[in-house]
Amino acid sequence: MDGTALLGHVDRLHTTALGAARIRRNLGIDERDVVGFCRGQIMRADCAIYRQGKNWYCETDALRITVNASSFTIITAHRVE
């Protein structure tokens, strides 16, 4: 399944307070608007988006963002090597 379903609902992306703190910690960023940061990464032309089970995975450069497919909640983000 391609990422057009996620991109079509990019305006519905959100996260919890704990999720935002987790993303900041995992990525080592001080960004206040974590959802905006993740949305920008997901919308990049070089972002590879794929669905595996109940989650979408969005990969750019050395970054992987996990989004719940039914609620569009950004669960976490990690740096990948």
PDB file of N, CA and C in Angstrom:
ATOM      1  N   MET A   1       0.856  -1.178   0.000  1.00  0.00           N
ATOM      2  CA  MET A   1       0.000   0.000   0.000  1.00  0.00           C
ATOM      3  C   MET A   1       0.899   1.237   0.000  1.00  0.00           C
ATOM      4  N   ASP A   2       0.614   2.173  -0.883  1.00  0.00           N
ATOM      5  CA  ASP A   2       1.447   3.364  -0.966  1.00  0.00           C
ATOM      6  C   ASP A   2       1.006   4.422   0.054  1.00  0.00           C
ATOM      7  N   GLY A   3       1.784   5.476   0.139  1.00  0.00           N
ATOM      8  CA  GLY A   3       1.559   6.479   1.168  1.00  0.00           C
ATOM      9  C   GLY A   3       0.536   7.541   0.844  1.00  0.00           C
ATOM     10  N   THR A   4      -0.167   7.421  -0.290  1.00  0.00           N
ATOM     11  CA  THR A   4      -1.135   8.465  -0.633  1.00  0.00           C
ATOM     12  C   THR A   4      -2.273   8.548   0.384  1.00  0.00           C
ATOM     13  N   ALA A   5      -2.630   7.429   0.997  1.00  0.00           N
ATOM     14  CA  ALA A   5      -3.684   7.447   2.019  1.00  0.00           C
ATOM     15  C   ALA A   5      -3.245   8.293   3.221  1.00  0.00           C
ATOM     16  N   LEU A   6      -1.996   8.163   3.615  1.00  0.00           N
ATOM     17  CA  LEU A   6      -1.490   8.974   4.727  1.00  0.00           C
ATOM     18  C   LEU A   6      -1.365  10.434   4.302  1.00  0.00           C
ATOM     19  N   LEU A   7      -0.823  10.680   3.123  1.00  0.00           N
ATOM     20  CA  LEU A   7      -0.655  12.054   2.656  1.00  0.00           C
ATOM     21  C   LEU A   7      -1.997  12.756   2.480  1.00  0.00           C
ATOM     22  N   GLY A   8      -3.035  12.011   2.164  1.00  0.00           N
ATOM     23  CA  GLY A   8      -4.362  12.586   2.024  1.00  0.00           C
ATOM     24  C   GLY A   8      -4.968  13.022   3.337  1.00  0.00           C
ATOM     25  N   HIS A   9      -4.404  12.535   4.444  1.00  0.00           N
ATOM     26  CA  HIS A   9      -4.915  12.882   5.774  1.00  0.00           C
ATOM     27  C   HIS A   9      -3.835  13.524   6.648  1.00  0.00           C
ATOM     28  N   VAL A  10      -2.842  14.125   6.012  1.00  0.00           N
ATOM     29  CA  VAL A  10      -1.725  14.700   6.765  1.00  0.00           C
ATOM     30  C   VAL A  10      -2.194  15.806   7.710  1.00  0.00           C
ATOM     31  N   ASP A  11      -3.325  16.423   7.405  1.00  0.00           N
ATOM     32  CA  ASP A  11      -3.864  17.467   8.276  1.00  0.00           C
ATOM     33  C   ASP A  11      -4.426  16.887   9.579  1.00  0.00           C
ATOM     34  N   ARG A  12      -4.656  15.577   9.638  1.00  0.00           N
ATOM     35  CA  ARG A  12      -5.193  14.935  10.843  1.00  0.00           C
ATOM     36  C   ARG A  12      -4.100  14.440  11.790  1.00  0.00           C
ATOM     37  N   LEU A  13      -2.828  14.575  11.404  1.00  0.00           N
ATOM     38  CA  LEU A  13      -1.735  14.115  12.260  1.00  0.00           C
ATOM     39  C   LEU A  13      -1.752  14.837  13.598  1.00  0.00           C
ATOM     40  N   HIS A  14      -1.509  14.087  14.652  1.00  0.00           N
ATOM     41  CA  HIS A  14      -1.443  14.657  15.998  1.00  0.00           C
ATOM     42  C   HIS A  14      -0.618  13.703  16.859  1.00  0.00           C
ATOM     43  N   THR A  15      -0.319  14.119  18.071  1.00  0.00           N
ATOM     44  CA  THR A  15       0.366  13.249  19.027  1.00  0.00           C
ATOM     45  C   THR A  15      -0.078  13.650  20.431  1.00  0.00           C
ATOM     46  N   THR A  16       0.310  12.846  21.385  1.00  0.00           N
ATOM     47  CA  THR A  16       0.011  13.141  22.783  1.00  0.00           C
ATOM     48  C   THR A  16       1.170  13.940  23.386  1.00  0.00           C
ATOM     49  N   ALA A  17       0.983  14.456  24.570  1.00  0.00           N
ATOM     50  CA  ALA A  17       2.066  15.181  25.258  1.00  0.00           C
ATOM     51  C   ALA A  17       3.249  14.249  25.509  1.00  0.00           C
ATOM     52  N   LEU A  18       2.961  13.029  25.932  1.00  0.00           N
ATOM     53  CA  LEU A  18       4.040  12.061  26.153  1.00  0.00           C
ATOM     54  C   LEU A  18       4.718  11.685  24.841  1.00  0.00           C
ATOM     55  N   GLY A  19       3.929  11.578  23.770  1.00  0.00           N
ATOM     56  CA  GLY A  19       4.494  11.274  22.460  1.00  0.00           C
ATOM     57  C   GLY A  19       5.419  12.379  21.989  1.00  0.00           C
ATOM     58  N   ALA A  20       5.020  13.625  22.180  1.00  0.00           N
ATOM     59  CA  ALA A  20       5.857  14.760  21.784  1.00  0.00           C
ATOM     60  C   ALA A  20       7.170  14.756  22.557  1.00  0.00           C
ATOM     61  N   ALA A  21       7.103  14.493  23.843  1.00  0.00           N
ATOM     62  CA  ALA A  21       8.319  14.433  24.661  1.00  0.00           C
ATOM     63  C   ALA A  21       9.219  13.291  24.194  1.00  0.00           C
ATOM     64  N   ARG A  22       8.628  12.147  23.868  1.00  0.00           N
ATOM     65  CA  ARG A  22       9.386  10.984  23.391  1.00  0.00           C
ATOM     66  C   ARG A  22      10.088  11.299  22.073  1.00  0.00           C
ATOM     67  N   ILE A  23       9.377  11.961  21.173  1.00  0.00           N
ATOM     68  CA  ILE A  23       9.948  12.311  19.868  1.00  0.00           C
ATOM     69  C   ILE A  23      11.092  13.299  20.041  1.00  0.00           C
ATOM     70  N   ARG A  24      10.901  14.313  20.869  1.00  0.00           N
ATOM     71  CA  ARG A  24      11.978  15.279  21.139  1.00  0.00           C
ATOM     72  C   ARG A  24      13.214  14.576  21.689  1.00  0.00           C
ATOM     73  N   ARG A  25      12.996  13.689  22.645  1.00  0.00           N
ATOM     74  CA  ARG A  25      14.106  12.962  23.270  1.00  0.00           C
ATOM     75  C   ARG A  25      14.804  12.052  22.262  1.00  0.00           C
ATOM     76  N   ASN A  26      14.035  11.279  21.501  1.00  0.00           N
ATOM     77  CA  ASN A  26      14.618  10.329  20.553  1.00  0.00           C
ATOM     78  C   ASN A  26      15.393  11.015  19.431  1.00  0.00           C
ATOM     79  N   LEU A  27      14.899  12.173  18.979  1.00  0.00           N
ATOM     80  CA  LEU A  27      15.552  12.875  17.878  1.00  0.00           C
ATOM     81  C   LEU A  27      16.569  13.901  18.350  1.00  0.00           C
ATOM     82  N   GLY A  28      16.531  14.234  19.629  1.00  0.00           N
ATOM     83  CA  GLY A  28      17.456  15.228  20.157  1.00  0.00           C
ATOM     84  C   GLY A  28      17.169  16.621  19.613  1.00  0.00           C
ATOM     85  N   ILE A  29      15.865  16.962  19.521  1.00  0.00           N
ATOM     86  CA  ILE A  29      15.477  18.275  19.003  1.00  0.00           C
ATOM     87  C   ILE A  29      14.783  19.080  20.098  1.00  0.00           C
ATOM     88  N   ASP A  30      14.775  20.406  19.926  1.00  0.00           N
ATOM     89  CA  ASP A  30      14.097  21.297  20.864  1.00  0.00           C
ATOM     90  C   ASP A  30      12.832  21.884  20.258  1.00  0.00           C
ATOM     91  N   GLU A  31      12.398  21.325  19.160  1.00  0.00           N
ATOM     92  CA  GLU A  31      11.240  21.824  18.412  1.00  0.00           C
ATOM     93  C   GLU A  31       9.992  21.864  19.289  1.00  0.00           C
ATOM     94  N   ARG A  32       9.338  23.026  19.339  1.00  0.00           N
ATOM     95  CA  ARG A  32       8.074  23.135  20.100  1.00  0.00           C
ATOM     96  C   ARG A  32       6.948  22.416  19.379  1.00  0.00           C
ATOM     97  N   ASP A  33       6.860  22.622  18.060  1.00  0.00           N
ATOM     98  CA  ASP A  33       5.793  22.040  17.253  1.00  0.00           C
ATOM     99  C   ASP A  33       6.267  20.719  16.647  1.00  0.00           C
ATOM    100  N   VAL A  34       6.215  19.679  17.444  1.00  0.00           N
ATOM    101  CA  VAL A  34       6.689  18.364  17.012  1.00  0.00           C
ATOM    102  C   VAL A  34       5.841  17.839  15.856  1.00  0.00           C
ATOM    103  N   VAL A  35       4.539  18.048  15.913  1.00  0.00           N
ATOM    104  CA  VAL A  35       3.656  17.578  14.839  1.00  0.00           C
ATOM    105  C   VAL A  35       4.001  18.292  13.533  1.00  0.00           C
ATOM    106  N   GLY A  36       4.222  19.583  13.590  1.00  0.00           N
ATOM    107  CA  GLY A  36       4.609  20.340  12.396  1.00  0.00           C
ATOM    108  C   GLY A  36       5.935  19.857  11.833  1.00  0.00           C
ATOM    109  N   PHE A  37       6.886  19.573  12.724  1.00  0.00           N
ATOM    110  CA  PHE A  37       8.180  19.053  12.296  1.00  0.00           C
ATOM    111  C   PHE A  37       7.995  17.718  11.582  1.00  0.00           C
ATOM    112  N   CYS A  38       7.236  16.806  12.187  1.00  0.00           N
ATOM    113  CA  CYS A  38       7.007  15.488  11.583  1.00  0.00           C
ATOM    114  C   CYS A  38       6.224  15.610  10.283  1.00  0.00           C
ATOM    115  N   ARG A  39       5.228  16.477  10.248  1.00  0.00           N
ATOM    116  CA  ARG A  39       4.438  16.689   9.036  1.00  0.00           C
ATOM    117  C   ARG A  39       5.348  17.150   7.889  1.00  0.00           C
ATOM    118  N   GLY A  40       6.256  18.055   8.197  1.00  0.00           N
ATOM    119  CA  GLY A  40       7.195  18.533   7.187  1.00  0.00           C
ATOM    120  C   GLY A  40       8.082  17.425   6.659  1.00  0.00           C
ATOM    121  N   GLN A  41       8.534  16.546   7.544  1.00  0.00           N
ATOM    122  CA  GLN A  41       9.367  15.421   7.123  1.00  0.00           C
ATOM    123  C   GLN A  41       8.572  14.451   6.253  1.00  0.00           C
ATOM    124  N   ILE A  42       7.328  14.180   6.639  1.00  0.00           N
ATOM    125  CA  ILE A  42       6.477  13.237   5.907  1.00  0.00           C
ATOM    126  C   ILE A  42       6.157  13.765   4.514  1.00  0.00           C
ATOM    127  N   MET A  43       6.026  15.066   4.364  1.00  0.00           N
ATOM    128  CA  MET A  43       5.648  15.654   3.081  1.00  0.00           C
ATOM    129  C   MET A  43       6.834  15.874   2.144  1.00  0.00           C
ATOM    130  N   ARG A  44       8.034  15.594   2.604  1.00  0.00           N
ATOM    131  CA  ARG A  44       9.206  15.734   1.741  1.00  0.00           C
ATOM    132  C   ARG A  44       9.102  14.794   0.549  1.00  0.00           C
ATOM    133  N   ALA A  45       9.601  15.233  -0.588  1.00  0.00           N
ATOM    134  CA  ALA A  45       9.542  14.431  -1.814  1.00  0.00           C
ATOM    135  C   ALA A  45      10.325  13.127  -1.682  1.00  0.00           C
ATOM    136  N   ASP A  46      11.377  13.126  -0.870  1.00  0.00           N
ATOM    137  CA  ASP A  46      12.206  11.922  -0.736  1.00  0.00           C
ATOM    138  C   ASP A  46      11.768  11.018   0.421  1.00  0.00           C
ATOM    139  N   CYS A  47      10.604  11.274   0.996  1.00  0.00           N
ATOM    140  CA  CYS A  47      10.113  10.463   2.110  1.00  0.00           C
ATOM    141  C   CYS A  47       9.517   9.155   1.571  1.00  0.00           C
ATOM    142  N   ALA A  48      10.015   8.045   2.082  1.00  0.00           N
ATOM    143  CA  ALA A  48       9.484   6.728   1.725  1.00  0.00           C
ATOM    144  C   ALA A  48       8.415   6.368   2.752  1.00  0.00           C
ATOM    145  N   ILE A  49       7.184   6.174   2.294  1.00  0.00           N
ATOM    146  CA  ILE A  49       6.061   5.878   3.184  1.00  0.00           C
ATOM    147  C   ILE A  49       5.532   4.492   2.862  1.00  0.00           C
ATOM    148  N   TYR A  50       5.412   3.665   3.891  1.00  0.00           N
ATOM    149  CA  TYR A  50       4.853   2.336   3.687  1.00  0.00           C
ATOM    150  C   TYR A  50       4.058   1.932   4.919  1.00  0.00           C
ATOM    151  N   ARG A  51       3.098   1.057   4.695  1.00  0.00           N
ATOM    152  CA  ARG A  51       2.276   0.578   5.799  1.00  0.00           C
ATOM    153  C   ARG A  51       2.661  -0.851   6.123  1.00  0.00           C
ATOM    154  N   GLN A  52       2.771  -1.111   7.412  1.00  0.00           N
ATOM    155  CA  GLN A  52       3.074  -2.453   7.895  1.00  0.00           C
ATOM    156  C   GLN A  52       2.160  -2.689   9.091  1.00  0.00           C
ATOM    157  N   GLY A  53       1.174  -3.569   8.916  1.00  0.00           N
ATOM    158  CA  GLY A  53       0.213  -3.818   9.983  1.00  0.00           C
ATOM    159  C   GLY A  53      -0.639  -2.604  10.259  1.00  0.00           C
ATOM    160  N   LYS A  54      -0.693  -2.193  11.517  1.00  0.00           N
ATOM    161  CA  LYS A  54      -1.557  -1.077  11.897  1.00  0.00           C
ATOM    162  C   LYS A  54      -0.873   0.281  11.849  1.00  0.00           C
ATOM    163  N   ASN A  55       0.366   0.323  11.394  1.00  0.00           N
ATOM    164  CA  ASN A  55       1.124   1.575  11.399  1.00  0.00           C
ATOM    165  C   ASN A  55       1.645   1.950  10.023  1.00  0.00           C
ATOM    166  N   TRP A  56       1.794   3.260   9.834  1.00  0.00           N
ATOM    167  CA  TRP A  56       2.520   3.810   8.703  1.00  0.00           C
ATOM    168  C   TRP A  56       3.943   4.088   9.182  1.00  0.00           C
ATOM    169  N   TYR A  57       4.911   3.866   8.313  1.00  0.00           N
ATOM    170  CA  TYR A  57       6.301   4.187   8.596  1.00  0.00           C
ATOM    171  C   TYR A  57       6.771   5.148   7.526  1.00  0.00           C
ATOM    172  N   CYS A  58       7.367   6.241   7.951  1.00  0.00           N
ATOM    173  CA  CYS A  58       7.811   7.296   7.047  1.00  0.00           C
ATOM    174  C   CYS A  58       9.304   7.482   7.271  1.00  0.00           C
ATOM    175  N   GLU A  59      10.101   7.265   6.221  1.00  0.00           N
ATOM    176  CA  GLU A  59      11.549   7.330   6.359  1.00  0.00           C
ATOM    177  C   GLU A  59      12.144   8.383   5.443  1.00  0.00           C
ATOM    178  N   THR A  60      12.942   9.257   6.040  1.00  0.00           N
ATOM    179  CA  THR A  60      13.713  10.255   5.306  1.00  0.00           C
ATOM    180  C   THR A  60      15.111  10.273   5.878  1.00  0.00           C
ATOM    181  N   ASP A  61      16.097  10.337   5.007  1.00  0.00           N
ATOM    182  CA  ASP A  61      17.486  10.376   5.445  1.00  0.00           C
ATOM    183  C   ASP A  61      17.726   9.335   6.536  1.00  0.00           C
ATOM    184  N   ALA A  62      18.012   9.775   7.728  1.00  0.00           N
ATOM    185  CA  ALA A  62      18.281   8.860   8.843  1.00  0.00           C
ATOM    186  C   ALA A  62      17.193   8.965   9.905  1.00  0.00           C
ATOM    187  N   LEU A  63      15.933   9.121   9.470  1.00  0.00           N
ATOM    188  CA  LEU A  63      14.825   9.352  10.393  1.00  0.00           C
ATOM    189  C   LEU A  63      13.652   8.449  10.030  1.00  0.00           C
ATOM    190  N   ARG A  64      13.052   7.808  11.029  1.00  0.00           N
ATOM    191  CA  ARG A  64      11.852   6.996  10.816  1.00  0.00           C
ATOM    192  C   ARG A  64      10.760   7.476  11.769  1.00  0.00           C
ATOM    193  N   ILE A  65       9.601   7.823  11.203  1.00  0.00           N
ATOM    194  CA  ILE A  65       8.449   8.284  11.971  1.00  0.00           C
ATOM    195  C   ILE A  65       7.383   7.204  11.904  1.00  0.00           C
ATOM    196  N   THR A  66       6.797   6.847  13.039  1.00  0.00           N
ATOM    197  CA  THR A  66       5.743   5.831  13.104  1.00  0.00           C
ATOM    198  C   THR A  66       4.423   6.510  13.405  1.00  0.00           C
ATOM    199  N   VAL A  67       3.413   6.227  12.556  1.00  0.00           N
ATOM    200  CA  VAL A  67       2.094   6.843  12.675  1.00  0.00           C
ATOM    201  C   VAL A  67       1.047   5.735  12.710  1.00  0.00           C
ATOM    202  N   ASN A  68       0.137   5.792  13.682  1.00  0.00           N
ATOM    203  CA  ASN A  68      -0.959   4.830  13.732  1.00  0.00           C
ATOM    204  C   ASN A  68      -1.874   5.074  12.532  1.00  0.00           C
ATOM    205  N   ALA A  69      -2.204   4.006  11.801  1.00  0.00           N
ATOM    206  CA  ALA A  69      -2.945   4.129  10.547  1.00  0.00           C
ATOM    207  C   ALA A  69      -4.406   4.496  10.739  1.00  0.00           C
ATOM    208  N   SER A  70      -5.005   4.143  11.846  1.00  0.00           N
ATOM    209  CA  SER A  70      -6.431   4.433  12.016  1.00  0.00           C
ATOM    210  C   SER A  70      -6.693   5.774  12.697  1.00  0.00           C
ATOM    211  N   SER A  71      -5.830   6.183  13.618  1.00  0.00           N
ATOM    212  CA  SER A  71      -6.062   7.431  14.349  1.00  0.00           C
ATOM    213  C   SER A  71      -5.169   8.582  13.893  1.00  0.00           C
ATOM    214  N   PHE A  72      -4.164   8.287  13.058  1.00  0.00           N
ATOM    215  CA  PHE A  72      -3.199   9.274  12.574  1.00  0.00           C
ATOM    216  C   PHE A  72      -2.418   9.918  13.721  1.00  0.00           C
ATOM    217  N   THR A  73      -2.210   9.140  14.786  1.00  0.00           N
ATOM    218  CA  THR A  73      -1.395   9.588  15.913  1.00  0.00           C
ATOM    219  C   THR A  73       0.066   9.288  15.627  1.00  0.00           C
ATOM    220  N   ILE A  74       0.921  10.292  15.749  1.00  0.00           N
ATOM    221  CA  ILE A  74       2.358  10.073  15.608  1.00  0.00           C
ATOM    222  C   ILE A  74       2.814   9.402  16.895  1.00  0.00           C
ATOM    223  N   ILE A  75       3.226   8.159  16.785  1.00  0.00           N
ATOM    224  CA  ILE A  75       3.578   7.370  17.961  1.00  0.00           C
ATOM    225  C   ILE A  75       4.993   7.679  18.420  1.00  0.00           C
ATOM    226  N   THR A  76       5.936   7.644  17.492  1.00  0.00           N
ATOM    227  CA  THR A  76       7.322   7.878  17.846  1.00  0.00           C
ATOM    228  C   THR A  76       8.109   8.232  16.599  1.00  0.00           C
ATOM    229  N   ALA A  77       9.333   8.653  16.789  1.00  0.00           N
ATOM    230  CA  ALA A  77      10.274   8.905  15.712  1.00  0.00           C
ATOM    231  C   ALA A  77      11.650   8.541  16.228  1.00  0.00           C
ATOM    232  N   HIS A  78      12.459   7.971  15.347  1.00  0.00           N
ATOM    233  CA  HIS A  78      13.805   7.540  15.723  1.00  0.00           C
ATOM    234  C   HIS A  78      14.792   7.926  14.627  1.00  0.00           C
ATOM    235  N   ARG A  79      16.002   8.105  15.035  1.00  0.00           N
ATOM    236  CA  ARG A  79      17.105   8.212  14.084  1.00  0.00           C
ATOM    237  C   ARG A  79      17.489   6.775  13.723  1.00  0.00           C
ATOM    238  N   VAL A  80      17.736   6.541  12.456  1.00  0.00           N
ATOM    239  CA  VAL A  80      18.172   5.210  12.004  1.00  0.00           C
ATOM    240  C   VAL A  80      19.530   5.347  11.338  1.00  0.00           C
ATOM    241  N   GLU A  81      20.297   4.306  11.421  1.00  0.00           N
ATOM    242  CA  GLU A  81      21.657   4.332  10.846  1.00  0.00           C
ATOM    243  C   GLU A  81      21.714   3.575   9.566  1.00  0.00           C
TER     244      GLU A  81
END
